[in-house]
């Protein structure tokens, strides 16, 4: 059954904010690069309220769209003072709701995704636990969900997207967080090992850190982790301290910046030409792609229209010409930047269906 048809008929009862979800899961082809979608763990009811602002009618049914777009899919105008979002789910939810994260895992697996790159923030403290902050609690919920679906024969795994970009962390904070992650999940089968025996960690914002910091973290942890950078350029000086690159380019515009494809091709070529890793593996290149981008009412000015799935298809195919080892889909649920494929009110399941079509 095509996803567009199944999306109308197959419903995950535990996920009421999704109008639709598929129930069958294709096995990702071994000949195709796996696709991992960036997944964010900050969606609580309070986060929704903060993002929508004090004037949004949070208890309305149905929830109204919080902003309007022009005919081209940009020209964004907020309908409520203080709002920063262009879309809402069918109902305001929390990722702490029972079964919510598991339903996300099932829906993503059904669309053909290989897994999530889970964006996690530790506390930076030496004595962390699962309950130290909401991120760690929800990460454990995600791991439990992956265990459950894997036990049912559904292939789905995790990478860690380490949240270290918005705020540059100290060396002590980084080492405390990674120590916790390794102690808790270093051998956990929920984390992908298809391309490496070590769990994959994407160091978000690595380009903001000094060469000395890269050297130090590499010396401490690359024996146990495959550490990918988030570098928009690739230098011979920094290359020895990263296992590859997963540049997070969420605002790539195939219409106004068609040379972006050759820019990524050059970046990929530079990564691959920079020698082998410590374990003699070759450098990894993870190509980004996105369904669109819109931060016009959230402190930015950029907007890349979705064009009914055309943007996702164009970026997937164009960036696929770099022959990546994997793709990083930006994103499953980065709603503030407008790059989500998680079905919500404005676009429904159109972009998830376009994604699934590409993956098949």
Protein backbone atom coordinates (compact mmCIF):
# COMPACT_ATOMS: atom_id res chain seq x y z
CA UNK A 1 0.00 0.00 0.00
CA UNK A 2 1.35 3.45 -0.85
CA UNK A 3 1.97 5.64 2.18
CA UNK A 4 -0.56 8.24 1.03
CA UNK A 5 -3.26 5.59 1.02
CA UNK A 6 -2.16 3.99 4.25
CA UNK A 7 -1.97 7.33 5.97
CA UNK A 8 -5.72 7.61 5.57
CA UNK A 9 -6.48 4.18 6.88
CA UNK A 10 -3.84 3.23 9.44
CA UNK A 11 -4.07 5.05 12.76
CA UNK A 12 -1.81 4.79 15.79
CA UNK A 13 -4.27 5.07 18.64
CA UNK A 14 -1.59 6.16 21.09
CA UNK A 15 -0.79 9.20 18.95
CA UNK A 16 -3.97 11.34 18.83
CA UNK A 17 -2.21 14.48 17.60
CA UNK A 18 -1.37 12.63 14.38
CA UNK A 19 -4.34 12.29 12.11
CA UNK A 20 -2.64 9.38 10.40
CA UNK A 21 0.16 6.85 10.73
CA UNK A 22 1.27 3.79 8.85
CA UNK A 23 1.51 0.38 10.47
CA UNK A 24 3.76 -1.54 8.11
CA UNK A 25 7.51 -1.02 8.12
CA UNK A 26 9.74 -1.40 5.09
CA UNK A 27 13.25 -2.73 5.61
CA UNK A 28 15.76 -0.07 4.56
CA UNK A 29 17.74 -1.25 1.54
CA UNK A 30 21.34 -2.14 2.28
CA UNK A 31 22.34 -0.45 -0.99
CA UNK A 32 20.93 2.93 0.00
CA UNK A 33 22.30 5.37 2.58
CA UNK A 34 20.26 5.21 5.80
CA UNK A 35 18.27 8.29 6.77
CA UNK A 36 18.32 9.50 10.38
CA UNK A 37 15.93 12.32 11.30
CA UNK A 38 16.93 14.86 13.93
CA UNK A 39 14.52 14.51 16.81
CA UNK A 40 14.07 17.15 19.53
CA UNK A 41 13.14 16.42 23.14
CA UNK A 42 11.91 19.82 24.33
CA UNK A 43 8.19 19.56 23.55
CA UNK A 44 6.33 19.89 26.83
CA UNK A 45 2.98 21.63 27.24
CA UNK A 46 4.82 24.59 28.75
CA UNK A 47 7.20 24.77 25.78
CA UNK A 48 4.23 24.93 23.41
CA UNK A 49 2.67 27.71 25.50
CA UNK A 50 5.91 29.68 25.52
CA UNK A 51 6.43 29.30 21.77
CA UNK A 52 2.82 30.24 20.93
CA UNK A 53 2.80 33.25 23.23
CA UNK A 54 0.37 34.45 25.89
CA UNK A 55 -2.39 35.48 23.46
CA UNK A 56 -2.78 32.18 21.60
CA UNK A 57 -6.06 30.35 22.52
CA UNK A 58 -4.36 27.25 23.83
CA UNK A 59 -7.64 25.62 24.95
CA UNK A 60 -9.51 26.16 21.66
CA UNK A 61 -10.86 23.19 19.73
CA UNK A 62 -9.81 22.89 17.01
CA UNK A 63 -6.59 24.79 17.53
CA UNK A 64 -6.27 27.65 15.01
CA UNK A 65 -3.15 28.11 12.91
CA UNK A 66 -0.95 30.61 14.75
CA UNK A 67 0.34 32.37 11.61
CA UNK A 68 -0.45 33.00 7.96
CA UNK A 69 1.80 32.43 4.94
CA UNK A 70 1.58 34.07 1.54
CA UNK A 71 0.80 32.17 -1.67
CA UNK A 72 4.49 31.39 -2.17
CA UNK A 73 4.70 29.67 1.22
CA UNK A 74 6.64 32.43 3.02
CA UNK A 75 5.65 36.04 3.81
CA UNK A 76 4.91 34.89 7.34
CA UNK A 77 2.68 36.91 9.65
CA UNK A 78 1.84 35.92 13.20
CA UNK A 79 -1.82 35.93 14.15
CA UNK A 80 -1.05 36.38 17.86
CA UNK A 81 1.35 38.72 19.65
CA UNK A 82 4.30 36.82 21.07
CA UNK A 83 3.86 33.76 18.84
CA UNK A 84 6.90 32.24 17.09
CA UNK A 85 5.32 29.22 15.36
CA UNK A 86 3.65 28.70 11.99
CA UNK A 87 1.90 25.43 12.84
CA UNK A 88 0.31 23.42 15.65
CA UNK A 89 -0.67 19.81 16.21
CA UNK A 90 -4.26 18.70 16.55
CA UNK A 91 -3.85 19.13 20.30
CA UNK A 92 -1.13 20.46 22.57
CA UNK A 93 0.94 17.54 23.77
CA UNK A 94 3.90 16.66 25.95
CA UNK A 95 6.61 14.16 25.09
CA UNK A 96 6.08 12.89 28.63
CA UNK A 97 2.61 11.64 27.65
CA UNK A 98 2.52 7.83 27.84
CA UNK A 99 3.18 6.21 24.49
CA UNK A 100 3.90 9.48 22.67
CA UNK A 101 7.56 8.89 21.82
CA UNK A 102 6.89 5.25 20.97
CA UNK A 103 4.22 6.35 18.48
CA UNK A 104 6.74 8.72 16.89
CA UNK A 105 9.21 5.84 16.54
CA UNK A 106 6.60 3.63 14.91
CA UNK A 107 5.48 6.31 12.49
CA UNK A 108 9.04 7.18 11.49
CA UNK A 109 9.94 3.53 11.00
CA UNK A 110 6.82 3.00 8.91
CA UNK A 111 7.91 5.86 6.64
CA UNK A 112 11.24 4.13 6.03
CA UNK A 113 13.56 6.08 8.32
CA UNK A 114 16.52 4.13 9.71
CA UNK A 115 16.32 5.99 13.00
CA UNK A 116 16.42 9.23 14.93
CA UNK A 117 19.42 11.43 15.72
CA UNK A 118 18.12 12.35 19.16
CA UNK A 119 19.06 15.85 20.27
CA UNK A 120 20.06 15.48 23.91
CA UNK A 121 21.39 17.93 26.50
CA UNK A 122 23.00 16.70 29.69
CA UNK A 123 23.29 18.75 32.86
CA UNK A 124 27.07 19.08 32.60
CA UNK A 125 27.33 17.83 36.18
CA UNK A 126 29.37 14.81 37.35
CA UNK A 127 26.52 12.91 39.05
CA UNK A 128 23.81 12.74 36.37
CA UNK A 129 20.92 10.29 36.35
CA UNK A 130 17.99 9.53 34.07
CA UNK A 131 15.85 11.96 36.07
CA UNK A 132 18.37 14.81 36.22
CA UNK A 133 16.59 16.79 33.52
CA UNK A 134 13.70 16.32 31.07
CA UNK A 135 16.10 15.58 28.20
CA UNK A 136 17.59 12.58 29.98
CA UNK A 137 14.20 11.28 31.06
CA UNK A 138 12.86 11.50 27.50
CA UNK A 139 16.03 9.99 26.04
CA UNK A 140 15.46 6.94 28.22
CA UNK A 141 11.85 6.80 27.04
CA UNK A 142 13.12 6.86 23.45
CA UNK A 143 15.59 4.04 24.14
CA UNK A 144 12.82 1.97 25.74
CA UNK A 145 10.61 2.54 22.68
CA UNK A 146 13.37 1.40 20.32
CA UNK A 147 13.92 -1.73 22.39
CA UNK A 148 10.21 -2.46 22.16
CA UNK A 149 9.88 -2.06 18.39
CA UNK A 150 13.14 -3.92 17.75
CA UNK A 151 11.80 -6.86 19.78
CA UNK A 152 8.85 -6.88 17.36
CA UNK A 153 11.17 -7.10 14.35
CA UNK A 154 10.94 -3.42 13.35
CA UNK A 155 14.36 -2.05 12.31
CA UNK A 156 14.99 1.32 13.91
CA UNK A 157 18.07 2.69 15.70
CA UNK A 158 19.43 5.85 17.30
CA UNK A 159 22.27 8.27 16.90
CA UNK A 160 22.95 10.91 19.54
CA UNK A 161 22.80 14.56 18.48
CA UNK A 162 24.69 16.25 21.31
CA UNK A 163 23.17 19.67 22.02
CA UNK A 164 26.27 21.87 22.20
CA UNK A 165 25.64 24.60 19.64
CA UNK A 166 23.21 27.18 21.03
CA UNK A 167 25.49 27.60 24.07
CA UNK A 168 29.20 26.79 23.87
CA UNK A 169 29.87 24.34 26.70
CA UNK A 170 32.92 24.12 28.90
CA UNK A 171 35.31 21.18 28.71
CA UNK A 172 34.06 19.98 32.11
CA UNK A 173 30.44 20.08 31.00
CA UNK A 174 31.22 18.10 27.85
CA UNK A 175 33.22 15.43 29.63
CA UNK A 176 30.60 15.02 32.36
CA UNK A 177 27.84 14.63 29.78
CA UNK A 178 29.75 12.13 27.65
CA UNK A 179 30.77 10.11 30.71
CA UNK A 180 27.11 9.81 31.64
CA UNK A 181 26.08 8.83 28.11
CA UNK A 182 28.79 6.17 27.83
CA UNK A 183 28.05 4.69 31.26
CA UNK A 184 24.34 4.53 30.54
CA UNK A 185 24.19 3.74 26.82
CA UNK A 186 27.68 2.84 25.62
CA UNK A 187 26.69 -0.77 24.96
CA UNK A 188 22.94 -0.30 24.53
CA UNK A 189 21.59 -2.06 21.41
CA UNK A 190 19.16 0.78 20.72
CA UNK A 191 22.10 2.74 19.28
CA UNK A 192 23.06 2.09 15.69
CA UNK A 193 26.14 0.03 14.94
CA UNK A 194 25.54 -0.82 11.30
CA UNK A 195 28.50 1.22 10.05
CA UNK A 196 30.62 1.22 13.20
CA UNK A 197 30.91 -0.91 16.31
CA UNK A 198 30.77 2.34 18.29
CA UNK A 199 27.66 4.48 18.92
CA UNK A 200 27.46 7.57 16.72
CA UNK A 201 27.49 11.01 18.34
CA UNK A 202 27.03 14.18 16.28
CA UNK A 203 28.72 17.07 18.06
CA UNK A 204 26.29 19.86 17.18
CA UNK A 205 28.11 23.14 16.73
CA UNK A 206 31.55 21.52 16.74
CA UNK A 207 32.75 24.32 14.44
CA UNK A 208 32.34 26.73 17.37
CA UNK A 209 34.92 24.88 19.47
CA UNK A 210 38.67 25.32 19.43
CA UNK A 211 41.12 22.88 17.91
CA UNK A 212 42.44 22.20 21.41
CA UNK A 213 38.96 21.19 22.59
CA UNK A 214 38.52 18.83 19.64
CA UNK A 215 41.90 17.29 20.39
CA UNK A 216 41.03 16.76 24.04
CA UNK A 217 37.59 15.22 23.45
CA UNK A 218 38.98 13.02 20.68
CA UNK A 219 41.74 11.68 22.92
CA UNK A 220 39.27 10.89 25.68
CA UNK A 221 36.35 9.36 23.80
CA UNK A 222 36.91 8.36 20.19
CA UNK A 223 37.99 4.88 21.21
CA UNK A 224 34.42 4.32 22.40
CA UNK A 225 32.36 6.68 20.21
CA UNK A 226 32.15 7.55 16.52
CA UNK A 227 32.19 11.35 16.82
CA UNK A 228 30.94 13.29 13.81
CA UNK A 229 31.38 17.02 13.56
CA UNK A 230 28.97 19.75 12.53
CA UNK A 231 31.49 21.62 10.37
CA UNK A 232 30.56 23.90 7.50
CA UNK A 233 34.15 23.83 6.27
CA UNK A 234 36.63 20.99 6.65
CA UNK A 235 40.23 21.71 7.52
CA UNK A 236 43.23 19.40 7.55
CA UNK A 237 44.02 20.68 11.06
CA UNK A 238 40.66 19.63 12.55
CA UNK A 239 40.05 16.49 10.49
CA UNK A 240 42.24 14.14 12.60
CA UNK A 241 39.99 14.70 15.61
CA UNK A 242 36.62 13.86 14.06
CA UNK A 243 35.38 10.66 12.42
CA UNK A 244 33.44 12.58 9.79
CA UNK A 245 31.04 15.42 9.20
CA UNK A 246 27.28 15.86 9.56
CA UNK A 247 26.85 19.53 8.72
CA UNK A 248 23.47 20.80 9.95
CA UNK A 249 22.32 23.01 7.06
CA UNK A 250 18.66 23.56 7.85
CA UNK A 251 18.16 26.63 5.63
CA UNK A 252 19.67 25.30 2.38
CA UNK A 253 17.73 26.93 -0.45
CA UNK A 254 17.75 25.07 -3.79
CA UNK A 255 15.95 27.96 -5.53
CA UNK A 256 17.91 31.05 -4.50
CA UNK A 257 21.18 29.22 -3.89
CA UNK A 258 21.49 26.48 -6.52
CA UNK A 259 25.26 26.51 -6.02
CA UNK A 260 24.60 25.01 -2.59
CA UNK A 261 24.74 21.58 -4.23
CA UNK A 262 28.29 22.13 -5.46
CA UNK A 263 29.21 23.66 -2.09
CA UNK A 264 28.15 20.46 -0.34
CA UNK A 265 29.90 18.35 -2.96
CA UNK A 266 33.12 20.20 -2.21
CA UNK A 267 32.62 19.76 1.53
CA UNK A 268 31.99 16.03 1.08
CA UNK A 269 35.08 15.69 -1.11
CA UNK A 270 37.24 17.47 1.45
CA UNK A 271 35.98 15.22 4.23
CA UNK A 272 36.77 12.07 2.29
CA UNK A 273 40.21 13.31 1.21
CA UNK A 274 41.36 14.03 4.77
CA UNK A 275 42.70 10.59 5.63
CA UNK A 276 41.60 7.69 7.79
CA UNK A 277 40.31 7.68 11.34
CA UNK A 278 42.15 6.30 14.35
CA UNK A 279 40.54 2.89 13.87
CA UNK A 280 41.54 2.93 10.17
CA UNK A 281 37.95 3.53 9.05
CA UNK A 282 37.33 6.14 6.37
CA UNK A 283 35.84 9.52 7.15
CA UNK A 284 32.03 9.61 7.23
CA UNK A 285 29.94 12.09 5.24
CA UNK A 286 26.31 12.68 6.31
CA UNK A 287 24.34 14.80 3.82
CA UNK A 288 21.63 17.11 5.14
CA UNK A 289 18.22 17.69 3.59
CA UNK A 290 15.01 19.33 4.74
CA UNK A 291 11.38 19.79 3.61
CA UNK A 292 11.66 23.57 3.98
CA UNK A 293 12.58 26.24 6.49
CA UNK A 294 10.79 29.21 8.01
CA UNK A 295 12.10 31.28 10.89
CA UNK A 296 10.61 34.61 9.84
CA UNK A 297 8.65 35.14 13.07
CA UNK A 298 11.12 33.35 15.35
CA UNK A 299 14.00 35.79 15.31
CA UNK A 300 15.22 35.14 11.77
CA UNK A 301 14.49 36.25 8.25
CA UNK A 302 15.06 33.15 6.12
CA UNK A 303 12.31 31.11 4.52
CA UNK A 304 12.56 28.20 2.11
CA UNK A 305 9.06 27.25 0.88
CA UNK A 306 8.07 23.59 0.85
CA UNK A 307 6.38 23.73 -2.57
CA UNK A 308 4.27 20.65 -1.96
CA UNK A 309 7.20 18.31 -1.31
CA UNK A 310 9.33 19.64 -4.16
CA UNK A 311 11.92 21.13 -1.80
CA UNK A 312 12.42 17.88 0.08
CA UNK A 313 12.76 15.95 -3.18
CA UNK A 314 15.15 18.48 -4.70
CA UNK A 315 17.45 18.55 -1.67
CA UNK A 316 17.35 14.78 -1.19
CA UNK A 317 18.30 14.11 -4.81
CA UNK A 318 20.71 17.03 -5.16
CA UNK A 319 22.60 16.31 -1.96
CA UNK A 320 22.42 12.60 -2.72
CA UNK A 321 24.80 13.32 -5.60
CA UNK A 322 27.52 13.63 -2.93
CA UNK A 323 27.14 9.86 -2.35
CA UNK A 324 26.72 10.17 1.41
CA UNK A 325 27.26 7.39 3.91
CA UNK A 326 23.98 8.51 5.48
CA UNK A 327 21.45 11.33 5.30
CA UNK A 328 20.50 13.63 8.17
CA UNK A 329 16.88 14.73 7.76
CA UNK A 330 16.30 18.15 9.28
CA UNK A 331 13.98 17.38 10.96
CA UNK A 332 11.30 15.27 12.54
CA UNK A 333 10.02 17.97 14.91
CA UNK A 334 11.97 21.25 14.78
CA UNK A 335 8.73 23.18 14.51
CA UNK A 336 10.11 26.60 15.42
CA UNK A 337 12.38 26.59 12.37
CA UNK A 338 9.64 25.10 10.21
CA UNK A 339 11.69 22.09 9.06
CA UNK A 340 9.51 19.31 10.51
CA UNK A 341 7.96 16.33 8.69
CA UNK A 342 5.92 15.26 11.73
CA UNK A 343 2.32 15.58 10.46
CA UNK A 344 0.57 18.59 11.94
CA UNK A 345 -2.23 20.97 10.92
CA UNK A 346 -0.84 23.10 8.08
CA UNK A 347 0.72 20.45 5.83
CA UNK A 348 -0.77 17.25 7.20
CA UNK A 349 1.18 14.20 6.06
CA UNK A 350 2.25 15.56 2.65
CA UNK A 351 5.94 15.89 3.45
CA UNK A 352 6.09 12.58 5.30
CA UNK A 353 4.51 10.95 2.24
CA UNK A 354 7.07 12.67 -0.03
CA UNK A 355 9.84 11.44 2.22
CA UNK A 356 8.55 7.88 2.23
CA UNK A 357 8.28 7.96 -1.55
CA UNK A 358 11.95 8.97 -1.79
CA UNK A 359 13.04 6.27 0.62
CA UNK A 360 11.21 3.61 -1.34
